[in-house]
Every structure is written in C-alpha cells, then in structure tokens.
Amino acid sequence: MDLEEINKKYKYIILNVTTGDCEILPSDRSVSKNLKDKYDLEISHMYIRRHLTDKGYILKDDILIKNLWF
C-alpha cells in the first residue's frame, strides 16, 4: 500500500477523551454517521469539513475529531 492509498483510507480520527476509544475513518460522511450512531451527536458532514479546514479539530461533548492529513 502506497502513501496515496493510505491517505484515502485513513483520513479522520475520532477520539472519545473520556474513555480513550478511537476510530479512524475515511470520509467526513462516515464520521457524521458514526457520531450519530455511536454517540448520538448530530453533526453534518459539511460542518465537519468546514471546521476541520479552519481549526484543524472539533471538540464536542468529550469527542475530538481531527483530520490526520493536511
């Protein structure tokens, strides 16, 4: 697997700062779906995309979302 494939497959990390659970996901849509299913957080994929571009991270209800590659 080359670096380009890795960049596509592993793009975002979700970290629960309370429990230490983390997941690595490939798209902002999958992050949004995971947050809704697992943590009952409603955050749109566009909100995730915009805020990660501006700030580099999102921290909401002890859940940290970060972009792995810039």
C-alpha atoms as a PDB file:
ATOM      1  CA  MET A   1       0.000   0.000   0.000  1.00  0.00           C
ATOM      2  CA  ASP A   2       1.490   3.343  -1.001  1.00  0.00           C
ATOM      3  CA  LEU A   3       1.070   6.673   0.790  1.00  0.00           C
ATOM      4  CA  GLU A   4      -1.702   7.895  -1.509  1.00  0.00           C
ATOM      5  CA  GLU A   5      -3.855   4.851  -0.726  1.00  0.00           C
ATOM      6  CA  ILE A   6      -3.201   5.296   2.979  1.00  0.00           C
ATOM      7  CA  ASN A   7      -4.253   8.970   2.773  1.00  0.00           C
ATOM      8  CA  LYS A   8      -7.565   7.971   1.181  1.00  0.00           C
ATOM      9  CA  LYS A   9      -8.315   5.107   3.551  1.00  0.00           C
ATOM     10  CA  TYR A  10      -7.310   6.735   6.846  1.00  0.00           C
ATOM     11  CA  LYS A  11      -8.376  10.377   6.830  1.00  0.00           C
ATOM     12  CA  TYR A  12     -10.152  11.286  10.098  1.00  0.00           C
ATOM     13  CA  ILE A  13      -9.723  10.217  13.694  1.00  0.00           C
ATOM     14  CA  ILE A  14     -12.455  10.270  16.325  1.00  0.00           C
ATOM     15  CA  LEU A  15     -11.274  10.118  19.930  1.00  0.00           C
ATOM     16  CA  ASN A  16     -13.513   9.846  22.977  1.00  0.00           C
ATOM     17  CA  VAL A  17     -11.397  11.728  25.506  1.00  0.00           C
ATOM     18  CA  THR A  18     -13.322  10.254  28.446  1.00  0.00           C
ATOM     19  CA  THR A  19     -12.913   6.571  27.630  1.00  0.00           C
ATOM     20  CA  GLY A  20      -9.936   6.661  25.255  1.00  0.00           C
ATOM     21  CA  ASP A  21     -11.820   4.868  22.468  1.00  0.00           C
ATOM     22  CA  CYS A  22     -10.733   5.927  18.999  1.00  0.00           C
ATOM     23  CA  GLU A  23     -11.622   5.168  15.408  1.00  0.00           C
ATOM     24  CA  ILE A  24     -10.064   6.085  12.087  1.00  0.00           C
ATOM     25  CA  LEU A  25     -12.490   6.741   9.231  1.00  0.00           C
ATOM     26  CA  PRO A  26     -12.119   7.515   5.515  1.00  0.00           C
ATOM     27  CA  SER A  27     -14.650  10.333   4.939  1.00  0.00           C
ATOM     28  CA  ASP A  28     -16.487  13.194   6.595  1.00  0.00           C
ATOM     29  CA  ARG A  29     -19.777  11.435   5.824  1.00  0.00           C
ATOM     30  CA  SER A  30     -18.648   8.319   7.662  1.00  0.00           C
ATOM     31  CA  VAL A  31     -17.576  10.499  10.613  1.00  0.00           C
ATOM     32  CA  SER A  32     -21.014  12.138  10.701  1.00  0.00           C
ATOM     33  CA  LYS A  33     -22.781   8.756  10.541  1.00  0.00           C
ATOM     34  CA  ASN A  34     -20.527   7.257  13.208  1.00  0.00           C
ATOM     35  CA  LEU A  35     -21.134  10.185  15.571  1.00  0.00           C
ATOM     36  CA  LYS A  36     -24.875   9.847  15.140  1.00  0.00           C
ATOM     37  CA  ASP A  37     -24.935   6.072  15.585  1.00  0.00           C
ATOM     38  CA  LYS A  38     -22.404   5.661  18.365  1.00  0.00           C
ATOM     39  CA  TYR A  39     -22.515   8.918  20.351  1.00  0.00           C
ATOM     40  CA  ASP A  40     -25.953  10.333  19.419  1.00  0.00           C
ATOM     41  CA  LEU A  41     -24.306  13.539  18.122  1.00  0.00           C
ATOM     42  CA  GLU A  42     -25.889  15.259  15.122  1.00  0.00           C
ATOM     43  CA  ILE A  43     -23.062  16.937  13.192  1.00  0.00           C
ATOM     44  CA  SER A  44     -23.340  17.300   9.436  1.00  0.00           C
ATOM     45  CA  HIS A  45     -20.522  16.262   7.157  1.00  0.00           C
ATOM     46  CA  MET A  46     -20.300  19.835   5.796  1.00  0.00           C
ATOM     47  CA  TYR A  47     -19.859  21.219   9.320  1.00  0.00           C
ATOM     48  CA  ILE A  48     -17.074  18.689   9.873  1.00  0.00           C
ATOM     49  CA  ARG A  49     -15.378  19.572   6.567  1.00  0.00           C
ATOM     50  CA  ARG A  50     -15.525  23.346   7.156  1.00  0.00           C
ATOM     51  CA  HIS A  51     -14.396  23.336  10.767  1.00  0.00           C
ATOM     52  CA  LEU A  52     -11.547  20.917  10.213  1.00  0.00           C
ATOM     53  CA  THR A  53     -10.318  23.126   7.383  1.00  0.00           C
ATOM     54  CA  ASP A  54     -10.494  26.248   9.576  1.00  0.00           C
ATOM     55  CA  LYS A  55      -9.426  24.980  13.008  1.00  0.00           C
ATOM     56  CA  GLY A  56      -7.942  21.545  12.409  1.00  0.00           C
ATOM     57  CA  TYR A  57     -10.084  19.883  15.088  1.00  0.00           C
ATOM     58  CA  ILE A  58     -13.599  19.729  16.563  1.00  0.00           C
ATOM     59  CA  LEU A  59     -14.206  19.055  20.259  1.00  0.00           C
ATOM     60  CA  LYS A  60     -17.825  18.435  21.190  1.00  0.00           C
ATOM     61  CA  ASP A  61     -19.188  16.558  24.219  1.00  0.00           C
ATOM     62  CA  ASP A  62     -15.791  14.966  25.004  1.00  0.00           C
ATOM     63  CA  ILE A  63     -15.430  13.740  21.403  1.00  0.00           C
ATOM     64  CA  LEU A  64     -12.385  15.003  19.500  1.00  0.00           C
ATOM     65  CA  ILE A  65     -12.468  14.876  15.697  1.00  0.00           C
ATOM     66  CA  LYS A  66      -9.232  15.544  13.861  1.00  0.00           C
ATOM     67  CA  ASN A  67      -8.018  15.390  10.277  1.00  0.00           C
ATOM     68  CA  LEU A  68      -4.975  13.101  10.001  1.00  0.00           C
ATOM     69  CA  TRP A  69      -3.588  14.558   6.751  1.00  0.00           C
ATOM     70  CA  PHE A  70      -3.441  18.150   5.531  1.00  0.00           C
END
